[in-house]
């Protein structure tokens, strides 16, 4: 299951522990739309990882975007127990799957 994060407090709570992948996306972003369903499939196949989404256009999570150095969409940020361990800029399904597998085995 993919969870949409609404504010910074929720973001910090969700990314503060465990294994987490965050998809920073925009509704107008073609690659974001193209990989959305695949991201949901990865979430269903990896129940030990939290999959989150952050809509960059809301502005409510600007601090989280800055802390994760988000400069383009989509950007996927990988957390393990509160620390950023990896990132992916762009919508490569193969690389995203590899990075999720790496996080899952960490």
PDB file of N, CA and C in Angstrom:
ATOM      1  N   UNK A   1       0.834  -1.183   0.000  1.00  0.00           N
ATOM      2  CA  UNK A   1       0.000   0.000   0.000  1.00  0.00           C
ATOM      3  C   UNK A   1       0.882   1.251   0.000  1.00  0.00           C
ATOM      4  N   UNK A   2       0.507   2.225  -0.785  1.00  0.00           N
ATOM      5  CA  UNK A   2       1.214   3.491  -0.865  1.00  0.00           C
ATOM      6  C   UNK A   2       0.418   4.530  -0.079  1.00  0.00           C
ATOM      7  N   UNK A   3       1.119   5.250   0.782  1.00  0.00           N
ATOM      8  CA  UNK A   3       0.466   6.256   1.629  1.00  0.00           C
ATOM      9  C   UNK A   3       0.899   7.653   1.204  1.00  0.00           C
ATOM     10  N   UNK A   4      -0.080   8.524   0.989  1.00  0.00           N
ATOM     11  CA  UNK A   4       0.185   9.929   0.676  1.00  0.00           C
ATOM     12  C   UNK A   4       0.458  10.668   1.989  1.00  0.00           C
ATOM     13  N   UNK A   5       1.563  11.390   2.048  1.00  0.00           N
ATOM     14  CA  UNK A   5       1.938  12.119   3.258  1.00  0.00           C
ATOM     15  C   UNK A   5       1.443  13.559   3.133  1.00  0.00           C
ATOM     16  N   UNK A   6       0.798  14.049   4.193  1.00  0.00           N
ATOM     17  CA  UNK A   6       0.138  15.344   4.125  1.00  0.00           C
ATOM     18  C   UNK A   6       0.973  16.505   4.664  1.00  0.00           C
ATOM     19  N   UNK A   7       1.819  16.250   5.670  1.00  0.00           N
ATOM     20  CA  UNK A   7       2.566  17.355   6.269  1.00  0.00           C
ATOM     21  C   UNK A   7       3.917  16.876   6.807  1.00  0.00           C
ATOM     22  N   UNK A   8       4.725  17.832   7.237  1.00  0.00           N
ATOM     23  CA  UNK A   8       6.091  17.531   7.676  1.00  0.00           C
ATOM     24  C   UNK A   8       6.114  16.644   8.910  1.00  0.00           C
ATOM     25  N   UNK A   9       5.211  16.860   9.849  1.00  0.00           N
ATOM     26  CA  UNK A   9       5.177  16.020  11.050  1.00  0.00           C
ATOM     27  C   UNK A   9       4.931  14.562  10.690  1.00  0.00           C
ATOM     28  N   UNK A  10       3.973  14.321   9.797  1.00  0.00           N
ATOM     29  CA  UNK A  10       3.676  12.967   9.355  1.00  0.00           C
ATOM     30  C   UNK A  10       4.879  12.385   8.596  1.00  0.00           C
ATOM     31  N   UNK A  11       5.505  13.198   7.754  1.00  0.00           N
ATOM     32  CA  UNK A  11       6.676  12.758   6.991  1.00  0.00           C
ATOM     33  C   UNK A  11       7.794  12.309   7.933  1.00  0.00           C
ATOM     34  N   UNK A  12       8.087  13.139   8.911  1.00  0.00           N
ATOM     35  CA  UNK A  12       9.159  12.812   9.861  1.00  0.00           C
ATOM     36  C   UNK A  12       8.836  11.551  10.657  1.00  0.00           C
ATOM     37  N   UNK A  13       7.595  11.395  11.056  1.00  0.00           N
ATOM     38  CA  UNK A  13       7.187  10.208  11.807  1.00  0.00           C
ATOM     39  C   UNK A  13       7.311   8.952  10.943  1.00  0.00           C
ATOM     40  N   UNK A  14       6.892   9.037   9.687  1.00  0.00           N
ATOM     41  CA  UNK A  14       6.910   7.874   8.794  1.00  0.00           C
ATOM     42  C   UNK A  14       8.319   7.475   8.375  1.00  0.00           C
ATOM     43  N   UNK A  15       9.199   8.457   8.186  1.00  0.00           N
ATOM     44  CA  UNK A  15      10.556   8.153   7.713  1.00  0.00           C
ATOM     45  C   UNK A  15      11.544   7.955   8.854  1.00  0.00           C
ATOM     46  N   UNK A  16      11.121   8.155  10.080  1.00  0.00           N
ATOM     47  CA  UNK A  16      12.022   8.104  11.225  1.00  0.00           C
ATOM     48  C   UNK A  16      12.481   6.721  11.637  1.00  0.00           C
ATOM     49  N   UNK A  17      11.777   5.690  11.224  1.00  0.00           N
ATOM     50  CA  UNK A  17      12.187   4.334  11.595  1.00  0.00           C
ATOM     51  C   UNK A  17      11.762   3.353  10.513  1.00  0.00           C
ATOM     52  N   UNK A  18      12.455   2.234  10.463  1.00  0.00           N
ATOM     53  CA  UNK A  18      12.139   1.199   9.496  1.00  0.00           C
ATOM     54  C   UNK A  18      12.666   1.521   8.111  1.00  0.00           C
ATOM     55  N   UNK A  19      12.248   0.709   7.162  1.00  0.00           N
ATOM     56  CA  UNK A  19      12.648   0.861   5.762  1.00  0.00           C
ATOM     57  C   UNK A  19      11.542   1.594   5.026  1.00  0.00           C
ATOM     58  N   UNK A  20      11.915   2.665   4.315  1.00  0.00           N
ATOM     59  CA  UNK A  20      10.930   3.547   3.700  1.00  0.00           C
ATOM     60  C   UNK A  20      11.415   3.993   2.325  1.00  0.00           C
ATOM     61  N   UNK A  21      10.488   4.048   1.372  1.00  0.00           N
ATOM     62  CA  UNK A  21      10.746   4.658   0.066  1.00  0.00           C
ATOM     63  C   UNK A  21       9.745   5.792  -0.102  1.00  0.00           C
ATOM     64  N   UNK A  22      10.246   6.967  -0.491  1.00  0.00           N
ATOM     65  CA  UNK A  22       9.376   8.118  -0.702  1.00  0.00           C
ATOM     66  C   UNK A  22       9.439   8.528  -2.166  1.00  0.00           C
ATOM     67  N   UNK A  23       8.276   8.655  -2.778  1.00  0.00           N
ATOM     68  CA  UNK A  23       8.146   9.114  -4.160  1.00  0.00           C
ATOM     69  C   UNK A  23       7.724  10.579  -4.132  1.00  0.00           C
ATOM     70  N   UNK A  24       8.649  11.468  -4.502  1.00  0.00           N
ATOM     71  CA  UNK A  24       8.329  12.885  -4.651  1.00  0.00           C
ATOM     72  C   UNK A  24       7.856  13.063  -6.099  1.00  0.00           C
ATOM     73  N   UNK A  25       6.608  13.465  -6.269  1.00  0.00           N
ATOM     74  CA  UNK A  25       5.992  13.498  -7.595  1.00  0.00           C
ATOM     75  C   UNK A  25       5.176  14.769  -7.796  1.00  0.00           C
ATOM     76  N   UNK A  26       4.762  14.977  -9.043  1.00  0.00           N
ATOM     77  CA  UNK A  26       3.825  16.051  -9.394  1.00  0.00           C
ATOM     78  C   UNK A  26       2.802  15.471 -10.368  1.00  0.00           C
ATOM     79  N   UNK A  27       1.568  15.920 -10.256  1.00  0.00           N
ATOM     80  CA  UNK A  27       0.501  15.415 -11.127  1.00  0.00           C
ATOM     81  C   UNK A  27       0.733  15.761 -12.594  1.00  0.00           C
ATOM     82  N   UNK A  28       1.417  16.860 -12.874  1.00  0.00           N
ATOM     83  CA  UNK A  28       1.664  17.297 -14.239  1.00  0.00           C
ATOM     84  C   UNK A  28       2.883  16.614 -14.867  1.00  0.00           C
ATOM     85  N   UNK A  29       3.605  15.821 -14.085  1.00  0.00           N
ATOM     86  CA  UNK A  29       4.852  15.186 -14.519  1.00  0.00           C
ATOM     87  C   UNK A  29       4.552  13.868 -15.232  1.00  0.00           C
ATOM     88  N   UNK A  30       4.827  13.798 -16.539  1.00  0.00           N
ATOM     89  CA  UNK A  30       4.559  12.593 -17.322  1.00  0.00           C
ATOM     90  C   UNK A  30       5.253  11.352 -16.786  1.00  0.00           C
ATOM     91  N   UNK A  31       6.574  11.411 -16.499  1.00  0.00           N
ATOM     92  CA  UNK A  31       7.247  10.233 -15.952  1.00  0.00           C
ATOM     93  C   UNK A  31       6.678   9.807 -14.589  1.00  0.00           C
ATOM     94  N   UNK A  32       6.230  10.767 -13.788  1.00  0.00           N
ATOM     95  CA  UNK A  32       5.622  10.441 -12.488  1.00  0.00           C
ATOM     96  C   UNK A  32       4.350   9.628 -12.683  1.00  0.00           C
ATOM     97  N   UNK A  33       3.538  10.056 -13.620  1.00  0.00           N
ATOM     98  CA  UNK A  33       2.286   9.355 -13.913  1.00  0.00           C
ATOM     99  C   UNK A  33       2.590   7.967 -14.480  1.00  0.00           C
ATOM    100  N   UNK A  34       3.616   7.894 -15.331  1.00  0.00           N
ATOM    101  CA  UNK A  34       3.953   6.624 -15.989  1.00  0.00           C
ATOM    102  C   UNK A  34       4.415   5.559 -15.002  1.00  0.00           C
ATOM    103  N   UNK A  35       5.083   5.953 -13.911  1.00  0.00           N
ATOM    104  CA  UNK A  35       5.631   4.958 -12.980  1.00  0.00           C
ATOM    105  C   UNK A  35       4.738   4.740 -11.752  1.00  0.00           C
ATOM    106  N   UNK A  36       3.673   5.490 -11.644  1.00  0.00           N
ATOM    107  CA  UNK A  36       2.791   5.421 -10.465  1.00  0.00           C
ATOM    108  C   UNK A  36       2.276   4.010 -10.184  1.00  0.00           C
ATOM    109  N   UNK A  37       1.752   3.328 -11.194  1.00  0.00           N
ATOM    110  CA  UNK A  37       1.203   1.988 -10.986  1.00  0.00           C
ATOM    111  C   UNK A  37       2.299   0.978 -10.636  1.00  0.00           C
ATOM    112  N   UNK A  38       3.462   1.124 -11.235  1.00  0.00           N
ATOM    113  CA  UNK A  38       4.577   0.214 -10.933  1.00  0.00           C
ATOM    114  C   UNK A  38       5.030   0.393  -9.483  1.00  0.00           C
ATOM    115  N   UNK A  39       5.056   1.640  -9.022  1.00  0.00           N
ATOM    116  CA  UNK A  39       5.409   1.937  -7.631  1.00  0.00           C
ATOM    117  C   UNK A  39       4.423   1.244  -6.686  1.00  0.00           C
ATOM    118  N   UNK A  40       3.145   1.280  -7.013  1.00  0.00           N
ATOM    119  CA  UNK A  40       2.121   0.598  -6.207  1.00  0.00           C
ATOM    120  C   UNK A  40       2.328  -0.914  -6.229  1.00  0.00           C
ATOM    121  N   UNK A  41       2.733  -1.468  -7.373  1.00  0.00           N
ATOM    122  CA  UNK A  41       3.024  -2.902  -7.457  1.00  0.00           C
ATOM    123  C   UNK A  41       4.197  -3.278  -6.552  1.00  0.00           C
ATOM    124  N   UNK A  42       5.243  -2.457  -6.559  1.00  0.00           N
ATOM    125  CA  UNK A  42       6.391  -2.715  -5.682  1.00  0.00           C
ATOM    126  C   UNK A  42       5.971  -2.668  -4.209  1.00  0.00           C
ATOM    127  N   UNK A  43       5.095  -1.747  -3.880  1.00  0.00           N
ATOM    128  CA  UNK A  43       4.603  -1.651  -2.502  1.00  0.00           C
ATOM    129  C   UNK A  43       3.874  -2.927  -2.104  1.00  0.00           C
ATOM    130  N   UNK A  44       3.058  -3.460  -2.997  1.00  0.00           N
ATOM    131  CA  UNK A  44       2.307  -4.682  -2.702  1.00  0.00           C
ATOM    132  C   UNK A  44       3.232  -5.888  -2.550  1.00  0.00           C
ATOM    133  N   UNK A  45       4.331  -5.900  -3.284  1.00  0.00           N
ATOM    134  CA  UNK A  45       5.266  -7.033  -3.254  1.00  0.00           C
ATOM    135  C   UNK A  45       6.288  -6.951  -2.120  1.00  0.00           C
ATOM    136  N   UNK A  46       6.372  -5.791  -1.453  1.00  0.00           N
ATOM    137  CA  UNK A  46       7.383  -5.585  -0.410  1.00  0.00           C
ATOM    138  C   UNK A  46       6.735  -5.060   0.869  1.00  0.00           C
ATOM    139  N   UNK A  47       5.980  -5.912   1.568  1.00  0.00           N
ATOM    140  CA  UNK A  47       5.244  -5.445   2.745  1.00  0.00           C
ATOM    141  C   UNK A  47       6.129  -5.006   3.911  1.00  0.00           C
ATOM    142  N   UNK A  48       7.409  -5.355   3.895  1.00  0.00           N
ATOM    143  CA  UNK A  48       8.314  -4.947   4.965  1.00  0.00           C
ATOM    144  C   UNK A  48       8.857  -3.540   4.807  1.00  0.00           C
ATOM    145  N   UNK A  49       8.462  -2.876   3.720  1.00  0.00           N
ATOM    146  CA  UNK A  49       8.915  -1.516   3.436  1.00  0.00           C
ATOM    147  C   UNK A  49       7.692  -0.602   3.376  1.00  0.00           C
ATOM    148  N   UNK A  50       7.809   0.601   3.954  1.00  0.00           N
ATOM    149  CA  UNK A  50       6.745   1.602   3.828  1.00  0.00           C
ATOM    150  C   UNK A  50       6.973   2.365   2.524  1.00  0.00           C
ATOM    151  N   UNK A  51       5.937   2.505   1.728  1.00  0.00           N
ATOM    152  CA  UNK A  51       5.995   3.266   0.479  1.00  0.00           C
ATOM    153  C   UNK A  51       5.146   4.521   0.653  1.00  0.00           C
ATOM    154  N   UNK A  52       5.782   5.677   0.523  1.00  0.00           N
ATOM    155  CA  UNK A  52       5.106   6.946   0.718  1.00  0.00           C
ATOM    156  C   UNK A  52       5.135   7.763  -0.572  1.00  0.00           C
ATOM    157  N   UNK A  53       4.197   8.708  -0.674  1.00  0.00           N
ATOM    158  CA  UNK A  53       4.156   9.650  -1.787  1.00  0.00           C
ATOM    159  C   UNK A  53       4.063  11.058  -1.235  1.00  0.00           C
ATOM    160  N   UNK A  54       4.781  11.978  -1.890  1.00  0.00           N
ATOM    161  CA  UNK A  54       4.730  13.386  -1.528  1.00  0.00           C
ATOM    162  C   UNK A  54       4.464  14.188  -2.793  1.00  0.00           C
ATOM    163  N   UNK A  55       3.347  14.899  -2.818  1.00  0.00           N
ATOM    164  CA  UNK A  55       3.016  15.774  -3.946  1.00  0.00           C
ATOM    165  C   UNK A  55       3.778  17.086  -3.759  1.00  0.00           C
ATOM    166  N   UNK A  56       4.737  17.334  -4.645  1.00  0.00           N
ATOM    167  CA  UNK A  56       5.600  18.506  -4.490  1.00  0.00           C
ATOM    168  C   UNK A  56       4.858  19.815  -4.717  1.00  0.00           C
ATOM    169  N   UNK A  57       3.705  19.767  -5.345  1.00  0.00           N
ATOM    170  CA  UNK A  57       2.961  20.986  -5.637  1.00  0.00           C
ATOM    171  C   UNK A  57       2.157  21.518  -4.458  1.00  0.00           C
ATOM    172  N   UNK A  58       1.990  20.722  -3.411  1.00  0.00           N
ATOM    173  CA  UNK A  58       1.188  21.203  -2.284  1.00  0.00           C
ATOM    174  C   UNK A  58       1.927  22.256  -1.472  1.00  0.00           C
ATOM    175  N   UNK A  59       3.256  22.185  -1.444  1.00  0.00           N
ATOM    176  CA  UNK A  59       4.047  23.151  -0.677  1.00  0.00           C
ATOM    177  C   UNK A  59       4.120  22.839   0.796  1.00  0.00           C
ATOM    178  N   UNK A  60       3.313  21.914   1.279  1.00  0.00           N
ATOM    179  CA  UNK A  60       3.272  21.599   2.705  1.00  0.00           C
ATOM    180  C   UNK A  60       4.538  20.873   3.171  1.00  0.00           C
ATOM    181  N   UNK A  61       5.252  20.278   2.235  1.00  0.00           N
ATOM    182  CA  UNK A  61       6.434  19.493   2.598  1.00  0.00           C
ATOM    183  C   UNK A  61       7.711  20.060   1.991  1.00  0.00           C
ATOM    184  N   UNK A  62       7.769  21.371   1.857  1.00  0.00           N
ATOM    185  CA  UNK A  62       8.938  22.013   1.275  1.00  0.00           C
ATOM    186  C   UNK A  62      10.206  21.708   2.067  1.00  0.00           C
ATOM    187  N   UNK A  63      10.107  21.667   3.380  1.00  0.00           N
ATOM    188  CA  UNK A  63      11.264  21.353   4.219  1.00  0.00           C
ATOM    189  C   UNK A  63      11.776  19.945   3.977  1.00  0.00           C
ATOM    190  N   UNK A  64      10.863  18.997   3.834  1.00  0.00           N
ATOM    191  CA  UNK A  64      11.249  17.615   3.552  1.00  0.00           C
ATOM    192  C   UNK A  64      11.902  17.523   2.178  1.00  0.00           C
ATOM    193  N   UNK A  65      11.380  18.271   1.216  1.00  0.00           N
ATOM    194  CA  UNK A  65      11.963  18.266  -0.123  1.00  0.00           C
ATOM    195  C   UNK A  65      13.388  18.807  -0.086  1.00  0.00           C
ATOM    196  N   UNK A  66      13.595  19.862   0.671  1.00  0.00           N
ATOM    197  CA  UNK A  66      14.938  20.439   0.777  1.00  0.00           C
ATOM    198  C   UNK A  66      15.885  19.484   1.490  1.00  0.00           C
ATOM    199  N   UNK A  67      15.427  18.866   2.569  1.00  0.00           N
ATOM    200  CA  UNK A  67      16.271  17.936   3.326  1.00  0.00           C
ATOM    201  C   UNK A  67      16.661  16.730   2.476  1.00  0.00           C
ATOM    202  N   UNK A  68      15.774  16.313   1.566  1.00  0.00           N
ATOM    203  CA  UNK A  68      16.047  15.165   0.702  1.00  0.00           C
ATOM    204  C   UNK A  68      16.682  15.591  -0.625  1.00  0.00           C
ATOM    205  N   UNK A  69      16.974  16.875  -0.773  1.00  0.00           N
ATOM    206  CA  UNK A  69      17.609  17.425  -1.978  1.00  0.00           C
ATOM    207  C   UNK A  69      16.839  17.083  -3.256  1.00  0.00           C
ATOM    208  N   UNK A  70      15.529  17.261  -3.219  1.00  0.00           N
ATOM    209  CA  UNK A  70      14.688  16.977  -4.383  1.00  0.00           C
ATOM    210  C   UNK A  70      14.789  18.141  -5.360  1.00  0.00           C
ATOM    211  N   UNK A  71      15.254  17.825  -6.570  1.00  0.00           N
ATOM    212  CA  UNK A  71      15.433  18.848  -7.593  1.00  0.00           C
ATOM    213  C   UNK A  71      14.651  18.556  -8.866  1.00  0.00           C
ATOM    214  N   UNK A  72      14.167  17.318  -9.018  1.00  0.00           N
ATOM    215  CA  UNK A  72      13.400  16.956 -10.206  1.00  0.00           C
ATOM    216  C   UNK A  72      12.363  15.908  -9.820  1.00  0.00           C
ATOM    217  N   UNK A  73      11.430  15.674 -10.735  1.00  0.00           N
ATOM    218  CA  UNK A  73      10.397  14.683 -10.496  1.00  0.00           C
ATOM    219  C   UNK A  73      10.445  13.630 -11.591  1.00  0.00           C
ATOM    220  N   UNK A  74      10.186  12.392 -11.238  1.00  0.00           N
ATOM    221  CA  UNK A  74      10.093  11.927  -9.853  1.00  0.00           C
ATOM    222  C   UNK A  74      11.474  11.754  -9.231  1.00  0.00           C
ATOM    223  N   UNK A  75      11.517  11.905  -7.924  1.00  0.00           N
ATOM    224  CA  UNK A  75      12.691  11.559  -7.137  1.00  0.00           C
ATOM    225  C   UNK A  75      12.236  10.574  -6.079  1.00  0.00           C
ATOM    226  N   UNK A  76      12.931   9.452  -6.000  1.00  0.00           N
ATOM    227  CA  UNK A  76      12.650   8.435  -4.988  1.00  0.00           C
ATOM    228  C   UNK A  76      13.778   8.492  -3.964  1.00  0.00           C
ATOM    229  N   UNK A  77      13.400   8.611  -2.694  1.00  0.00           N
ATOM    230  CA  UNK A  77      14.386   8.686  -1.617  1.00  0.00           C
ATOM    231  C   UNK A  77      14.177   7.478  -0.714  1.00  0.00           C
ATOM    232  N   UNK A  78      15.281   6.803  -0.394  1.00  0.00           N
ATOM    233  CA  UNK A  78      15.257   5.562   0.379  1.00  0.00           C
ATOM    234  C   UNK A  78      15.805   5.826   1.775  1.00  0.00           C
ATOM    235  N   UNK A  79      15.047   5.414   2.783  1.00  0.00           N
ATOM    236  CA  UNK A  79      15.429   5.597   4.180  1.00  0.00           C
ATOM    237  C   UNK A  79      15.562   4.237   4.864  1.00  0.00           C
ATOM    238  N   UNK A  80      16.522   4.151   5.776  1.00  0.00           N
ATOM    239  CA  UNK A  80      16.623   2.991   6.655  1.00  0.00           C
ATOM    240  C   UNK A  80      16.856   3.532   8.061  1.00  0.00           C
ATOM    241  N   UNK A  81      15.870   3.350   8.925  1.00  0.00           N
ATOM    242  CA  UNK A  81      15.913   3.831  10.302  1.00  0.00           C
ATOM    243  C   UNK A  81      16.241   5.314  10.402  1.00  0.00           C
ATOM    244  N   UNK A  82      15.571   6.105   9.580  1.00  0.00           N
ATOM    245  CA  UNK A  82      15.676   7.555   9.653  1.00  0.00           C
ATOM    246  C   UNK A  82      16.791   8.171   8.829  1.00  0.00           C
ATOM    247  N   UNK A  83      17.685   7.372   8.282  1.00  0.00           N
ATOM    248  CA  UNK A  83      18.800   7.903   7.495  1.00  0.00           C
ATOM    249  C   UNK A  83      18.566   7.656   6.007  1.00  0.00           C
ATOM    250  N   UNK A  84      18.855   8.659   5.198  1.00  0.00           N
ATOM    251  CA  UNK A  84      18.769   8.486   3.749  1.00  0.00           C
ATOM    252  C   UNK A  84      19.918   7.582   3.322  1.00  0.00           C
ATOM    253  N   UNK A  85      19.564   6.500   2.628  1.00  0.00           N
ATOM    254  CA  UNK A  85      20.573   5.532   2.202  1.00  0.00           C
ATOM    255  C   UNK A  85      20.780   5.512   0.695  1.00  0.00           C
ATOM    256  N   UNK A  86      19.809   6.040  -0.064  1.00  0.00           N
ATOM    257  CA  UNK A  86      19.927   5.996  -1.515  1.00  0.00           C
ATOM    258  C   UNK A  86      18.889   6.928  -2.111  1.00  0.00           C
ATOM    259  N   UNK A  87      18.995   7.154  -3.420  1.00  0.00           N
ATOM    260  CA  UNK A  87      18.027   7.995  -4.120  1.00  0.00           C
ATOM    261  C   UNK A  87      18.027   7.629  -5.592  1.00  0.00           C
ATOM    262  N   UNK A  88      16.945   7.962  -6.248  1.00  0.00           N
ATOM    263  CA  UNK A  88      16.816   7.760  -7.684  1.00  0.00           C
ATOM    264  C   UNK A  88      16.079   8.953  -8.260  1.00  0.00           C
ATOM    265  N   UNK A  89      16.696   9.605  -9.231  1.00  0.00           N
ATOM    266  CA  UNK A  89      16.034  10.685  -9.957  1.00  0.00           C
ATOM    267  C   UNK A  89      15.631  10.133 -11.308  1.00  0.00           C
ATOM    268  N   UNK A  90      14.337  10.195 -11.613  1.00  0.00           N
ATOM    269  CA  UNK A  90      13.844   9.665 -12.871  1.00  0.00           C
ATOM    270  C   UNK A  90      12.946   8.463 -12.647  1.00  0.00           C
ATOM    271  N   UNK A  91      12.409   7.940 -13.756  1.00  0.00           N
ATOM    272  CA  UNK A  91      11.377   6.909 -13.673  1.00  0.00           C
ATOM    273  C   UNK A  91      11.828   5.578 -14.271  1.00  0.00           C
ATOM    274  N   UNK A  92      13.025   5.135 -13.919  1.00  0.00           N
ATOM    275  CA  UNK A  92      13.504   3.838 -14.413  1.00  0.00           C
ATOM    276  C   UNK A  92      12.945   2.715 -13.540  1.00  0.00           C
ATOM    277  N   UNK A  93      12.079   1.892 -14.124  1.00  0.00           N
ATOM    278  CA  UNK A  93      11.488   0.784 -13.381  1.00  0.00           C
ATOM    279  C   UNK A  93      12.557  -0.200 -12.912  1.00  0.00           C
ATOM    280  N   UNK A  94      13.515  -0.520 -13.786  1.00  0.00           N
ATOM    281  CA  UNK A  94      14.554  -1.486 -13.436  1.00  0.00           C
ATOM    282  C   UNK A  94      15.413  -1.012 -12.272  1.00  0.00           C
ATOM    283  N   UNK A  95      15.847   0.242 -12.335  1.00  0.00           N
ATOM    284  CA  UNK A  95      16.691   0.769 -11.255  1.00  0.00           C
ATOM    285  C   UNK A  95      15.889   0.892  -9.965  1.00  0.00           C
ATOM    286  N   UNK A  96      14.645   1.329 -10.059  1.00  0.00           N
ATOM    287  CA  UNK A  96      13.794   1.431  -8.875  1.00  0.00           C
ATOM    288  C   UNK A  96      13.640   0.065  -8.215  1.00  0.00           C
ATOM    289  N   UNK A  97      13.375  -0.969  -9.004  1.00  0.00           N
ATOM    290  CA  UNK A  97      13.227  -2.324  -8.464  1.00  0.00           C
ATOM    291  C   UNK A  97      14.518  -2.796  -7.806  1.00  0.00           C
ATOM    292  N   UNK A  98      15.669  -2.499  -8.410  1.00  0.00           N
ATOM    293  CA  UNK A  98      16.960  -2.884  -7.832  1.00  0.00           C
ATOM    294  C   UNK A  98      17.188  -2.196  -6.492  1.00  0.00           C
ATOM    295  N   UNK A  99      16.875  -0.910  -6.426  1.00  0.00           N
ATOM    296  CA  UNK A  99      17.096  -0.164  -5.194  1.00  0.00           C
ATOM    297  C   UNK A  99      16.139  -0.619  -4.081  1.00  0.00           C
ATOM    298  N   UNK A 100      14.907  -0.952  -4.447  1.00  0.00           N
ATOM    299  CA  UNK A 100      13.961  -1.491  -3.463  1.00  0.00           C
ATOM    300  C   UNK A 100      14.477  -2.837  -2.940  1.00  0.00           C
ATOM    301  N   UNK A 101      14.988  -3.686  -3.835  1.00  0.00           N
ATOM    302  CA  UNK A 101      15.521  -4.990  -3.430  1.00  0.00           C
ATOM    303  C   UNK A 101      16.716  -4.808  -2.497  1.00  0.00           C
ATOM    304  N   UNK A 102      17.566  -3.833  -2.780  1.00  0.00           N
ATOM    305  CA  UNK A 102      18.728  -3.557  -1.927  1.00  0.00           C
ATOM    306  C   UNK A 102      18.262  -3.108  -0.542  1.00  0.00           C
ATOM    307  N   UNK A 103      17.289  -2.209  -0.493  1.00  0.00           N
ATOM    308  CA  UNK A 103      16.763  -1.744   0.786  1.00  0.00           C
ATOM    309  C   UNK A 103      16.125  -2.912   1.547  1.00  0.00           C
ATOM    310  N   UNK A 104      15.401  -3.744   0.850  1.00  0.00           N
ATOM    311  CA  UNK A 104      14.714  -4.877   1.475  1.00  0.00           C
ATOM    312  C   UNK A 104      15.696  -5.847   2.131  1.00  0.00           C
ATOM    313  N   UNK A 105      16.870  -5.989   1.528  1.00  0.00           N
ATOM    314  CA  UNK A 105      17.859  -6.930   2.068  1.00  0.00           C
ATOM    315  C   UNK A 105      18.796  -6.289   3.084  1.00  0.00           C
ATOM    316  N   UNK A 106      18.679  -4.979   3.300  1.00  0.00           N
ATOM    317  CA  UNK A 106      19.568  -4.286   4.247  1.00  0.00           C
ATOM    318  C   UNK A 106      19.239  -4.620   5.682  1.00  0.00           C
TER     319      UNK A 106
END
